[in-house]
Amino acid sequence: MLNDLSTTRNRIMRAALDLVAEDGFAAATTAAIARKTGLAEGTLYRHFPSKDELFVAVYRQLKQEVFESIQAETRPDASLRDRFGQLWLGVWNAYLSDAAAFTYGQRFGESPLAGSEGVAHEGFYRHVAALMSDGKQAGLIKPLPANVLRAFFFPPLISMLKQALAGHDWAASDIEAAIDAAWDSWTL
């Protein structure tokens, strides 16, 4: 994610992402970002009005790329259970392919900036909401609030991703069992 380094803006965003993932937001100073990109520090401000705006832009782009990855892996004509599994695997594959992006997202979500990101999750939440709505209309999914259903979807996925990125080798059967358990928590 954020691997297209063909533009100065993208190089700056990737450097910020990598620095935050490596050592946290405090380490991602404008001087450090400039050093990592080989640009003058002032160049950053031609692309972003502030360091916080840069961090928010990185998060929004990251979430957009995750959403695009999920859309690519989800077939709208599949069964609800298959769509659920494709959604889970879409998130899994997107973050497993870029540990720094996953770490950045986790750190951003725990930072004071998290409330300023606006609509980064909008496309993804619409995607999940459509799955929930279809499932409820079909009488397959519990009539629980969306935030409760998401709570049964994300925590196991995030926990398993953290373990995988730390070196744990999850078997395909483990991943499928986790998807089944999450699906079972949603269904009647």
N, C-alpha and C. Protein backbone atom coordinates (compact mmCIF):
# COMPACT_ATOMS: atom_id res chain seq x y z
N MET A 1 0.83 -1.17 0.00
CA MET A 1 0.00 0.00 0.00
C MET A 1 0.88 1.24 0.00
N LEU A 2 0.39 2.26 -0.60
CA LEU A 2 1.18 3.47 -0.76
C LEU A 2 2.57 3.14 -1.29
N ASN A 3 2.61 2.22 -2.24
CA ASN A 3 3.88 1.80 -2.81
C ASN A 3 4.17 2.46 -4.15
N ASP A 4 3.22 3.20 -4.70
CA ASP A 4 3.47 3.93 -5.93
C ASP A 4 4.25 5.19 -5.57
N LEU A 5 5.55 5.13 -5.78
CA LEU A 5 6.42 6.23 -5.39
C LEU A 5 6.75 7.14 -6.56
N SER A 6 5.88 7.15 -7.56
CA SER A 6 6.15 7.91 -8.78
C SER A 6 5.97 9.41 -8.61
N THR A 7 5.31 9.83 -7.56
CA THR A 7 5.14 11.27 -7.35
C THR A 7 5.80 11.66 -6.02
N THR A 8 6.17 12.91 -5.94
CA THR A 8 6.77 13.43 -4.70
C THR A 8 5.80 13.27 -3.54
N ARG A 9 4.53 13.57 -3.78
CA ARG A 9 3.52 13.45 -2.74
C ARG A 9 3.48 12.01 -2.19
N ASN A 10 3.48 11.04 -3.07
CA ASN A 10 3.44 9.64 -2.64
C ASN A 10 4.71 9.25 -1.89
N ARG A 11 5.85 9.75 -2.32
CA ARG A 11 7.11 9.46 -1.61
C ARG A 11 7.06 10.01 -0.19
N ILE A 12 6.53 11.22 -0.06
CA ILE A 12 6.40 11.83 1.27
C ILE A 12 5.46 11.01 2.14
N MET A 13 4.33 10.61 1.57
CA MET A 13 3.34 9.83 2.34
C MET A 13 3.92 8.49 2.77
N ARG A 14 4.64 7.83 1.86
CA ARG A 14 5.21 6.53 2.21
C ARG A 14 6.28 6.68 3.30
N ALA A 15 7.09 7.72 3.20
CA ALA A 15 8.12 7.95 4.22
C ALA A 15 7.47 8.18 5.59
N ALA A 16 6.41 8.99 5.62
CA ALA A 16 5.71 9.23 6.87
C ALA A 16 5.12 7.93 7.42
N LEU A 17 4.50 7.15 6.56
CA LEU A 17 3.93 5.87 6.98
C LEU A 17 5.02 4.98 7.58
N ASP A 18 6.14 4.84 6.89
CA ASP A 18 7.20 3.96 7.37
C ASP A 18 7.78 4.44 8.69
N LEU A 19 8.00 5.75 8.82
CA LEU A 19 8.56 6.28 10.07
C LEU A 19 7.62 6.08 11.25
N VAL A 20 6.33 6.34 11.04
CA VAL A 20 5.36 6.13 12.12
C VAL A 20 5.30 4.65 12.48
N ALA A 21 5.30 3.79 11.48
CA ALA A 21 5.24 2.35 11.75
C ALA A 21 6.48 1.88 12.50
N GLU A 22 7.63 2.43 12.16
CA GLU A 22 8.88 2.00 12.80
C GLU A 22 8.98 2.50 14.24
N ASP A 23 8.71 3.79 14.46
CA ASP A 23 9.03 4.38 15.76
C ASP A 23 7.95 5.27 16.35
N GLY A 24 6.78 5.34 15.75
CA GLY A 24 5.69 6.15 16.29
C GLY A 24 5.65 7.55 15.72
N PHE A 25 4.59 8.26 16.06
CA PHE A 25 4.37 9.61 15.52
C PHE A 25 5.44 10.59 15.96
N ALA A 26 5.92 10.47 17.18
CA ALA A 26 6.92 11.42 17.68
C ALA A 26 8.20 11.37 16.84
N ALA A 27 8.54 10.20 16.34
CA ALA A 27 9.76 10.05 15.54
C ALA A 27 9.61 10.56 14.12
N ALA A 28 8.38 10.71 13.69
CA ALA A 28 8.12 11.12 12.30
C ALA A 28 8.08 12.64 12.21
N THR A 29 9.21 13.25 12.47
CA THR A 29 9.31 14.70 12.36
C THR A 29 9.41 15.08 10.89
N THR A 30 9.16 16.34 10.59
CA THR A 30 9.29 16.77 9.20
C THR A 30 10.74 16.60 8.73
N ALA A 31 11.70 16.83 9.63
CA ALA A 31 13.11 16.64 9.26
C ALA A 31 13.39 15.17 8.92
N ALA A 32 12.85 14.25 9.72
CA ALA A 32 13.06 12.82 9.46
C ALA A 32 12.39 12.40 8.16
N ILE A 33 11.19 12.89 7.92
CA ILE A 33 10.48 12.56 6.67
C ILE A 33 11.26 13.09 5.48
N ALA A 34 11.74 14.32 5.58
CA ALA A 34 12.52 14.92 4.49
C ALA A 34 13.79 14.10 4.24
N ARG A 35 14.48 13.73 5.31
CA ARG A 35 15.70 12.91 5.17
C ARG A 35 15.40 11.60 4.46
N LYS A 36 14.31 10.96 4.88
CA LYS A 36 13.96 9.65 4.30
C LYS A 36 13.62 9.76 2.81
N THR A 37 13.05 10.88 2.41
CA THR A 37 12.68 11.06 0.99
C THR A 37 13.80 11.69 0.17
N GLY A 38 14.79 12.26 0.85
CA GLY A 38 15.85 12.96 0.14
C GLY A 38 15.42 14.33 -0.37
N LEU A 39 14.34 14.86 0.22
CA LEU A 39 13.81 16.16 -0.18
C LEU A 39 14.14 17.21 0.86
N ALA A 40 14.03 18.45 0.47
CA ALA A 40 14.15 19.54 1.43
C ALA A 40 12.92 19.55 2.32
N GLU A 41 13.09 19.89 3.56
CA GLU A 41 11.97 19.90 4.51
C GLU A 41 10.82 20.78 4.04
N GLY A 42 11.15 21.91 3.44
CA GLY A 42 10.12 22.82 2.94
C GLY A 42 9.25 22.21 1.85
N THR A 43 9.78 21.23 1.14
CA THR A 43 9.02 20.57 0.07
C THR A 43 7.77 19.89 0.63
N LEU A 44 7.88 19.39 1.84
CA LEU A 44 6.73 18.72 2.46
C LEU A 44 5.55 19.67 2.54
N TYR A 45 5.84 20.93 2.86
CA TYR A 45 4.77 21.91 3.05
C TYR A 45 4.17 22.39 1.73
N ARG A 46 4.81 22.10 0.62
CA ARG A 46 4.20 22.39 -0.68
C ARG A 46 3.10 21.37 -0.99
N HIS A 47 3.19 20.22 -0.35
CA HIS A 47 2.22 19.15 -0.60
C HIS A 47 1.20 18.99 0.52
N PHE A 48 1.56 19.40 1.72
CA PHE A 48 0.68 19.25 2.88
C PHE A 48 0.81 20.50 3.75
N PRO A 49 -0.32 21.09 4.16
CA PRO A 49 -0.26 22.32 4.95
C PRO A 49 0.38 22.13 6.33
N SER A 50 0.34 20.91 6.85
CA SER A 50 0.92 20.64 8.17
C SER A 50 1.28 19.16 8.26
N LYS A 51 2.06 18.84 9.26
CA LYS A 51 2.42 17.44 9.49
C LYS A 51 1.17 16.62 9.82
N ASP A 52 0.27 17.19 10.62
CA ASP A 52 -0.97 16.47 10.94
C ASP A 52 -1.78 16.19 9.68
N GLU A 53 -1.85 17.17 8.77
CA GLU A 53 -2.57 16.95 7.50
C GLU A 53 -1.91 15.83 6.70
N LEU A 54 -0.60 15.75 6.75
CA LEU A 54 0.12 14.66 6.09
C LEU A 54 -0.29 13.32 6.69
N PHE A 55 -0.30 13.23 8.02
CA PHE A 55 -0.66 11.98 8.68
C PHE A 55 -2.09 11.56 8.36
N VAL A 56 -2.99 12.53 8.33
CA VAL A 56 -4.39 12.23 8.00
C VAL A 56 -4.49 11.77 6.55
N ALA A 57 -3.77 12.43 5.65
CA ALA A 57 -3.79 12.04 4.22
C ALA A 57 -3.27 10.62 4.04
N VAL A 58 -2.21 10.27 4.78
CA VAL A 58 -1.68 8.90 4.71
C VAL A 58 -2.76 7.91 5.14
N TYR A 59 -3.42 8.20 6.24
CA TYR A 59 -4.45 7.30 6.75
C TYR A 59 -5.61 7.15 5.76
N ARG A 60 -6.06 8.26 5.21
CA ARG A 60 -7.15 8.20 4.24
C ARG A 60 -6.76 7.38 3.02
N GLN A 61 -5.55 7.60 2.52
CA GLN A 61 -5.10 6.85 1.35
C GLN A 61 -4.97 5.37 1.67
N LEU A 62 -4.44 5.09 2.84
CA LEU A 62 -4.30 3.71 3.29
C LEU A 62 -5.66 3.01 3.33
N LYS A 63 -6.64 3.66 3.94
CA LYS A 63 -7.97 3.07 4.04
C LYS A 63 -8.61 2.92 2.66
N GLN A 64 -8.36 3.87 1.76
CA GLN A 64 -8.89 3.77 0.40
C GLN A 64 -8.30 2.55 -0.30
N GLU A 65 -7.01 2.35 -0.15
CA GLU A 65 -6.36 1.20 -0.79
C GLU A 65 -6.85 -0.12 -0.20
N VAL A 66 -7.06 -0.16 1.11
CA VAL A 66 -7.61 -1.38 1.73
C VAL A 66 -9.01 -1.64 1.18
N PHE A 67 -9.82 -0.60 1.09
CA PHE A 67 -11.17 -0.75 0.57
C PHE A 67 -11.15 -1.25 -0.88
N GLU A 68 -10.27 -0.71 -1.69
CA GLU A 68 -10.16 -1.16 -3.08
C GLU A 68 -9.73 -2.62 -3.15
N SER A 69 -8.85 -3.01 -2.27
CA SER A 69 -8.41 -4.41 -2.21
C SER A 69 -9.58 -5.33 -1.84
N ILE A 70 -10.37 -4.88 -0.87
CA ILE A 70 -11.53 -5.66 -0.44
C ILE A 70 -12.54 -5.78 -1.58
N GLN A 71 -12.81 -4.67 -2.24
CA GLN A 71 -13.75 -4.71 -3.36
C GLN A 71 -13.28 -5.67 -4.43
N ALA A 72 -11.99 -5.70 -4.68
CA ALA A 72 -11.45 -6.60 -5.71
C ALA A 72 -11.62 -8.06 -5.33
N GLU A 73 -11.67 -8.34 -4.04
CA GLU A 73 -11.77 -9.73 -3.58
C GLU A 73 -13.19 -10.15 -3.25
N THR A 74 -14.14 -9.24 -3.33
CA THR A 74 -15.52 -9.55 -2.95
C THR A 74 -16.40 -9.61 -4.19
N ARG A 75 -17.06 -10.72 -4.37
CA ARG A 75 -18.00 -10.89 -5.48
C ARG A 75 -19.41 -10.56 -5.00
N PRO A 76 -20.04 -9.54 -5.55
CA PRO A 76 -21.37 -9.15 -5.08
C PRO A 76 -22.44 -10.23 -5.32
N ASP A 77 -22.19 -11.17 -6.24
CA ASP A 77 -23.18 -12.21 -6.52
C ASP A 77 -22.97 -13.46 -5.67
N ALA A 78 -21.97 -13.44 -4.78
CA ALA A 78 -21.70 -14.59 -3.94
C ALA A 78 -22.73 -14.68 -2.81
N SER A 79 -22.78 -15.82 -2.15
CA SER A 79 -23.66 -15.98 -1.00
C SER A 79 -23.21 -15.02 0.11
N LEU A 80 -24.10 -14.77 1.06
CA LEU A 80 -23.75 -13.88 2.17
C LEU A 80 -22.53 -14.40 2.94
N ARG A 81 -22.51 -15.69 3.20
CA ARG A 81 -21.39 -16.29 3.93
C ARG A 81 -20.09 -16.11 3.13
N ASP A 82 -20.15 -16.32 1.83
CA ASP A 82 -18.95 -16.15 1.01
C ASP A 82 -18.52 -14.69 0.95
N ARG A 83 -19.47 -13.78 0.85
CA ARG A 83 -19.13 -12.35 0.85
C ARG A 83 -18.47 -11.96 2.18
N PHE A 84 -18.99 -12.48 3.28
CA PHE A 84 -18.41 -12.23 4.59
C PHE A 84 -16.97 -12.72 4.62
N GLY A 85 -16.75 -13.92 4.17
CA GLY A 85 -15.40 -14.49 4.13
C GLY A 85 -14.47 -13.71 3.22
N GLN A 86 -15.00 -13.27 2.07
CA GLN A 86 -14.20 -12.48 1.14
C GLN A 86 -13.83 -11.14 1.76
N LEU A 87 -14.75 -10.55 2.50
CA LEU A 87 -14.49 -9.29 3.19
C LEU A 87 -13.37 -9.49 4.22
N TRP A 88 -13.49 -10.53 5.03
CA TRP A 88 -12.49 -10.84 6.04
C TRP A 88 -11.13 -11.05 5.39
N LEU A 89 -11.10 -11.88 4.35
CA LEU A 89 -9.84 -12.16 3.66
C LEU A 89 -9.29 -10.93 2.94
N GLY A 90 -10.16 -10.07 2.48
CA GLY A 90 -9.71 -8.84 1.83
C GLY A 90 -8.92 -7.98 2.79
N VAL A 91 -9.43 -7.82 4.01
CA VAL A 91 -8.72 -7.05 5.02
C VAL A 91 -7.42 -7.77 5.39
N TRP A 92 -7.52 -9.07 5.60
CA TRP A 92 -6.35 -9.89 5.95
C TRP A 92 -5.24 -9.73 4.91
N ASN A 93 -5.58 -9.95 3.66
CA ASN A 93 -4.57 -9.89 2.60
C ASN A 93 -3.99 -8.50 2.40
N ALA A 94 -4.84 -7.49 2.51
CA ALA A 94 -4.37 -6.12 2.33
C ALA A 94 -3.32 -5.78 3.38
N TYR A 95 -3.60 -6.08 4.63
CA TYR A 95 -2.66 -5.71 5.68
C TYR A 95 -1.49 -6.68 5.80
N LEU A 96 -1.70 -7.94 5.48
CA LEU A 96 -0.61 -8.91 5.55
C LEU A 96 0.45 -8.57 4.51
N SER A 97 0.04 -7.94 3.42
CA SER A 97 0.99 -7.60 2.36
C SER A 97 1.84 -6.38 2.70
N ASP A 98 1.48 -5.64 3.74
CA ASP A 98 2.22 -4.43 4.10
C ASP A 98 2.13 -4.21 5.61
N ALA A 99 3.07 -4.81 6.33
CA ALA A 99 3.06 -4.73 7.80
C ALA A 99 3.14 -3.29 8.28
N ALA A 100 3.90 -2.46 7.59
CA ALA A 100 4.03 -1.06 8.00
C ALA A 100 2.69 -0.35 7.90
N ALA A 101 1.93 -0.64 6.85
CA ALA A 101 0.61 -0.01 6.69
C ALA A 101 -0.32 -0.44 7.82
N PHE A 102 -0.28 -1.71 8.18
CA PHE A 102 -1.10 -2.19 9.30
C PHE A 102 -0.72 -1.46 10.59
N THR A 103 0.58 -1.40 10.86
CA THR A 103 1.05 -0.75 12.08
C THR A 103 0.67 0.73 12.09
N TYR A 104 0.83 1.39 10.94
CA TYR A 104 0.45 2.80 10.85
C TYR A 104 -1.03 2.96 11.19
N GLY A 105 -1.88 2.13 10.58
CA GLY A 105 -3.31 2.21 10.84
C GLY A 105 -3.65 2.01 12.30
N GLN A 106 -2.99 1.07 12.95
CA GLN A 106 -3.23 0.82 14.37
C GLN A 106 -2.80 2.03 15.20
N ARG A 107 -1.63 2.55 14.90
CA ARG A 107 -1.14 3.70 15.66
C ARG A 107 -1.99 4.94 15.41
N PHE A 108 -2.42 5.13 14.19
CA PHE A 108 -3.26 6.28 13.89
C PHE A 108 -4.57 6.18 14.66
N GLY A 109 -5.17 4.99 14.65
CA GLY A 109 -6.44 4.78 15.34
C GLY A 109 -6.38 5.04 16.83
N GLU A 110 -5.20 4.93 17.42
CA GLU A 110 -5.01 5.16 18.84
C GLU A 110 -4.50 6.57 19.14
N SER A 111 -4.33 7.37 18.10
CA SER A 111 -3.77 8.71 18.28
C SER A 111 -4.87 9.76 18.37
N PRO A 112 -4.52 10.95 18.84
CA PRO A 112 -5.50 12.05 18.87
C PRO A 112 -6.00 12.44 17.47
N LEU A 113 -5.25 12.08 16.45
CA LEU A 113 -5.66 12.41 15.08
C LEU A 113 -6.83 11.56 14.60
N ALA A 114 -7.11 10.46 15.26
CA ALA A 114 -8.14 9.53 14.80
C ALA A 114 -9.49 10.21 14.59
N GLY A 115 -9.82 11.17 15.39
CA GLY A 115 -11.11 11.85 15.24
C GLY A 115 -11.14 12.85 14.10
N SER A 116 -10.00 13.14 13.52
CA SER A 116 -9.94 14.16 12.47
C SER A 116 -9.89 13.59 11.07
N GLU A 117 -9.93 12.28 10.94
CA GLU A 117 -9.76 11.68 9.62
C GLU A 117 -11.00 11.75 8.75
N GLY A 118 -12.12 12.07 9.30
CA GLY A 118 -13.32 12.26 8.49
C GLY A 118 -13.90 10.98 7.93
N VAL A 119 -13.81 10.79 6.65
CA VAL A 119 -14.56 9.74 5.96
C VAL A 119 -13.69 8.58 5.47
N ALA A 120 -12.55 8.36 6.07
CA ALA A 120 -11.64 7.32 5.60
C ALA A 120 -12.30 5.95 5.56
N HIS A 121 -13.19 5.69 6.50
CA HIS A 121 -13.83 4.37 6.57
C HIS A 121 -15.15 4.31 5.81
N GLU A 122 -15.56 5.41 5.23
CA GLU A 122 -16.90 5.50 4.65
C GLU A 122 -17.19 4.40 3.62
N GLY A 123 -16.32 4.21 2.66
CA GLY A 123 -16.55 3.18 1.64
C GLY A 123 -16.59 1.80 2.24
N PHE A 124 -15.67 1.53 3.14
CA PHE A 124 -15.63 0.23 3.78
C PHE A 124 -16.89 -0.01 4.61
N TYR A 125 -17.30 0.99 5.39
CA TYR A 125 -18.49 0.82 6.22
C TYR A 125 -19.75 0.65 5.37
N ARG A 126 -19.81 1.31 4.23
CA ARG A 126 -20.95 1.10 3.32
C ARG A 126 -20.95 -0.33 2.82
N HIS A 127 -19.78 -0.84 2.52
CA HIS A 127 -19.63 -2.22 2.04
C HIS A 127 -20.11 -3.21 3.11
N VAL A 128 -19.66 -2.99 4.34
CA VAL A 128 -20.07 -3.85 5.46
C VAL A 128 -21.56 -3.68 5.73
N ALA A 129 -22.04 -2.43 5.68
CA ALA A 129 -23.46 -2.18 5.94
C ALA A 129 -24.35 -2.88 4.93
N ALA A 130 -23.92 -2.91 3.67
CA ALA A 130 -24.70 -3.62 2.64
C ALA A 130 -24.76 -5.10 2.96
N LEU A 131 -23.66 -5.67 3.39
CA LEU A 131 -23.63 -7.09 3.77
C LEU A 131 -24.57 -7.33 4.95
N MET A 132 -24.51 -6.46 5.96
CA MET A 132 -25.38 -6.59 7.12
C MET A 132 -26.84 -6.46 6.73
N SER A 133 -27.15 -5.47 5.92
CA SER A 133 -28.53 -5.23 5.49
C SER A 133 -29.06 -6.43 4.72
N ASP A 134 -28.27 -6.92 3.78
CA ASP A 134 -28.69 -8.09 2.99
C ASP A 134 -28.91 -9.29 3.91
N GLY A 135 -28.02 -9.46 4.89
CA GLY A 135 -28.14 -10.59 5.81
C GLY A 135 -29.35 -10.48 6.71
N LYS A 136 -29.64 -9.26 7.17
CA LYS A 136 -30.81 -9.07 8.02
C LYS A 136 -32.10 -9.27 7.22
N GLN A 137 -32.11 -8.76 5.99
CA GLN A 137 -33.30 -8.94 5.13
C GLN A 137 -33.54 -10.41 4.82
N ALA A 138 -32.48 -11.17 4.70
CA ALA A 138 -32.60 -12.60 4.42
C ALA A 138 -32.89 -13.41 5.69
N GLY A 139 -32.88 -12.73 6.83
CA GLY A 139 -33.15 -13.42 8.09
C GLY A 139 -31.98 -14.26 8.57
N LEU A 140 -30.78 -13.95 8.11
CA LEU A 140 -29.61 -14.74 8.48
C LEU A 140 -28.73 -14.09 9.55
N ILE A 141 -28.79 -12.77 9.65
CA ILE A 141 -27.91 -12.05 10.55
C ILE A 141 -28.72 -11.47 11.71
N LYS A 142 -28.13 -11.56 12.90
CA LYS A 142 -28.78 -11.06 14.11
C LYS A 142 -29.13 -9.58 13.96
N PRO A 143 -30.27 -9.18 14.46
CA PRO A 143 -30.66 -7.76 14.36
C PRO A 143 -29.97 -6.91 15.43
N LEU A 144 -28.66 -6.88 15.37
CA LEU A 144 -27.86 -6.10 16.32
C LEU A 144 -27.38 -4.82 15.64
N PRO A 145 -27.05 -3.80 16.43
CA PRO A 145 -26.49 -2.58 15.83
C PRO A 145 -25.20 -2.89 15.08
N ALA A 146 -24.93 -2.12 14.06
CA ALA A 146 -23.76 -2.34 13.21
C ALA A 146 -22.47 -2.34 14.02
N ASN A 147 -22.35 -1.42 14.98
CA ASN A 147 -21.11 -1.36 15.75
C ASN A 147 -20.89 -2.61 16.59
N VAL A 148 -21.96 -3.26 17.00
CA VAL A 148 -21.83 -4.51 17.75
C VAL A 148 -21.36 -5.63 16.81
N LEU A 149 -21.98 -5.71 15.64
CA LEU A 149 -21.56 -6.73 14.68
C LEU A 149 -20.10 -6.52 14.27
N ARG A 150 -19.69 -5.27 14.04
CA ARG A 150 -18.29 -5.00 13.68
C ARG A 150 -17.35 -5.42 14.80
N ALA A 151 -17.81 -5.33 16.05
CA ALA A 151 -16.98 -5.72 17.19
C ALA A 151 -16.68 -7.22 17.19
N PHE A 152 -17.53 -7.99 16.55
CA PHE A 152 -17.29 -9.43 16.44
C PHE A 152 -16.51 -9.78 15.17
N PHE A 153 -16.32 -8.80 14.32
CA PHE A 153 -15.60 -9.00 13.07
C PHE A 153 -14.12 -8.61 13.21
N PHE A 154 -13.87 -7.40 13.69
CA PHE A 154 -12.52 -6.85 13.68
C PHE A 154 -11.56 -7.35 14.75
N PRO A 155 -11.95 -7.42 16.01
CA PRO A 155 -10.96 -7.80 17.03
C PRO A 155 -10.24 -9.13 16.76
N PRO A 156 -10.94 -10.21 16.39
CA PRO A 156 -10.18 -11.44 16.10
C PRO A 156 -9.27 -11.28 14.88
N LEU A 157 -9.74 -10.58 13.88
CA LEU A 157 -8.93 -10.35 12.68
C LEU A 157 -7.67 -9.57 13.01
N ILE A 158 -7.84 -8.49 13.78
CA ILE A 158 -6.70 -7.65 14.16
C ILE A 158 -5.71 -8.45 15.02
N SER A 159 -6.23 -9.22 15.96
CA SER A 159 -5.37 -10.03 16.82
C SER A 159 -4.56 -11.03 15.99
N MET A 160 -5.21 -11.69 15.06
CA MET A 160 -4.51 -12.67 14.23
C MET A 160 -3.50 -11.99 13.31
N LEU A 161 -3.84 -10.82 12.80
CA LEU A 161 -2.88 -10.09 11.96
C LEU A 161 -1.65 -9.70 12.77
N LYS A 162 -1.84 -9.21 13.98
CA LYS A 162 -0.70 -8.85 14.83
C LYS A 162 0.21 -10.06 15.04
N GLN A 163 -0.40 -11.21 15.30
CA GLN A 163 0.39 -12.42 15.50
C GLN A 163 1.10 -12.84 14.22
N ALA A 164 0.40 -12.75 13.10
CA ALA A 164 1.01 -13.13 11.82
C ALA A 164 2.18 -12.22 11.48
N LEU A 165 2.01 -10.93 11.71
CA LEU A 165 3.08 -9.98 11.40
C LEU A 165 4.25 -10.10 12.38
N ALA A 166 4.00 -10.74 13.53
CA ALA A 166 5.07 -11.00 14.49
C ALA A 166 5.76 -12.34 14.21
N GLY A 167 5.30 -13.02 13.17
CA GLY A 167 5.97 -14.25 12.78
C GLY A 167 5.17 -15.53 12.90
N HIS A 168 3.97 -15.47 13.49
CA HIS A 168 3.15 -16.68 13.60
C HIS A 168 2.64 -17.07 12.22
N ASP A 169 2.78 -18.32 11.88
CA ASP A 169 2.34 -18.80 10.57
C ASP A 169 0.96 -19.45 10.72
N TRP A 170 -0.07 -18.70 10.40
CA TRP A 170 -1.43 -19.24 10.49
C TRP A 170 -1.68 -20.17 9.32
N ALA A 171 -2.18 -21.34 9.62
CA ALA A 171 -2.57 -22.29 8.58
C ALA A 171 -3.87 -21.82 7.93
N ALA A 172 -4.08 -22.20 6.69
CA ALA A 172 -5.32 -21.83 5.99
C ALA A 172 -6.53 -22.31 6.78
N SER A 173 -6.42 -23.47 7.43
CA SER A 173 -7.54 -23.99 8.22
C SER A 173 -7.81 -23.11 9.45
N ASP A 174 -6.77 -22.52 10.03
CA ASP A 174 -6.94 -21.59 11.16
C ASP A 174 -7.68 -20.34 10.71
N ILE A 175 -7.30 -19.83 9.56
CA ILE A 175 -7.93 -18.62 9.03
C ILE A 175 -9.40 -18.90 8.72
N GLU A 176 -9.66 -20.02 8.10
CA GLU A 176 -11.05 -20.38 7.78
C GLU A 176 -11.86 -20.59 9.05
N ALA A 177 -11.25 -21.17 10.08
CA ALA A 177 -11.94 -21.36 11.36
C ALA A 177 -12.26 -20.01 12.00
N ALA A 178 -11.35 -19.05 11.89
CA ALA A 178 -11.61 -17.71 12.43
C ALA A 178 -12.75 -17.03 11.68
N ILE A 179 -12.76 -17.18 10.36
CA ILE A 179 -13.86 -16.61 9.57
C ILE A 179 -15.17 -17.26 9.97
N ASP A 180 -15.17 -18.58 10.13
CA ASP A 180 -16.39 -19.29 10.54
C ASP A 180 -16.87 -18.80 11.91
N ALA A 181 -15.94 -18.62 12.85
CA ALA A 181 -16.32 -18.17 14.18
C ALA A 181 -16.91 -16.76 14.12
N ALA A 182 -16.30 -15.89 13.33
CA ALA A 182 -16.83 -14.52 13.19
C ALA A 182 -18.21 -14.56 12.53
N TRP A 183 -18.37 -15.38 11.50
CA TRP A 183 -19.66 -15.51 10.82
C TRP A 183 -20.70 -16.05 11.79
N ASP A 184 -20.32 -17.05 12.57
CA ASP A 184 -21.26 -17.62 13.55
C ASP A 184 -21.71 -16.58 14.58
N SER A 185 -20.84 -15.63 14.90
CA SER A 185 -21.21 -14.60 15.87
C SER A 185 -22.24 -13.62 15.26
N TRP A 186 -22.30 -13.55 13.96
CA TRP A 186 -23.26 -12.67 13.27
C TRP A 186 -24.61 -13.34 13.01
N THR A 187 -24.59 -14.64 12.83
CA THR A 187 -25.79 -15.31 12.32
C THR A 187 -26.71 -15.79 13.42
N LEU A 188 -27.98 -15.93 13.00
CA LEU A 188 -29.02 -16.43 13.91
C LEU A 188 -28.88 -17.91 14.11
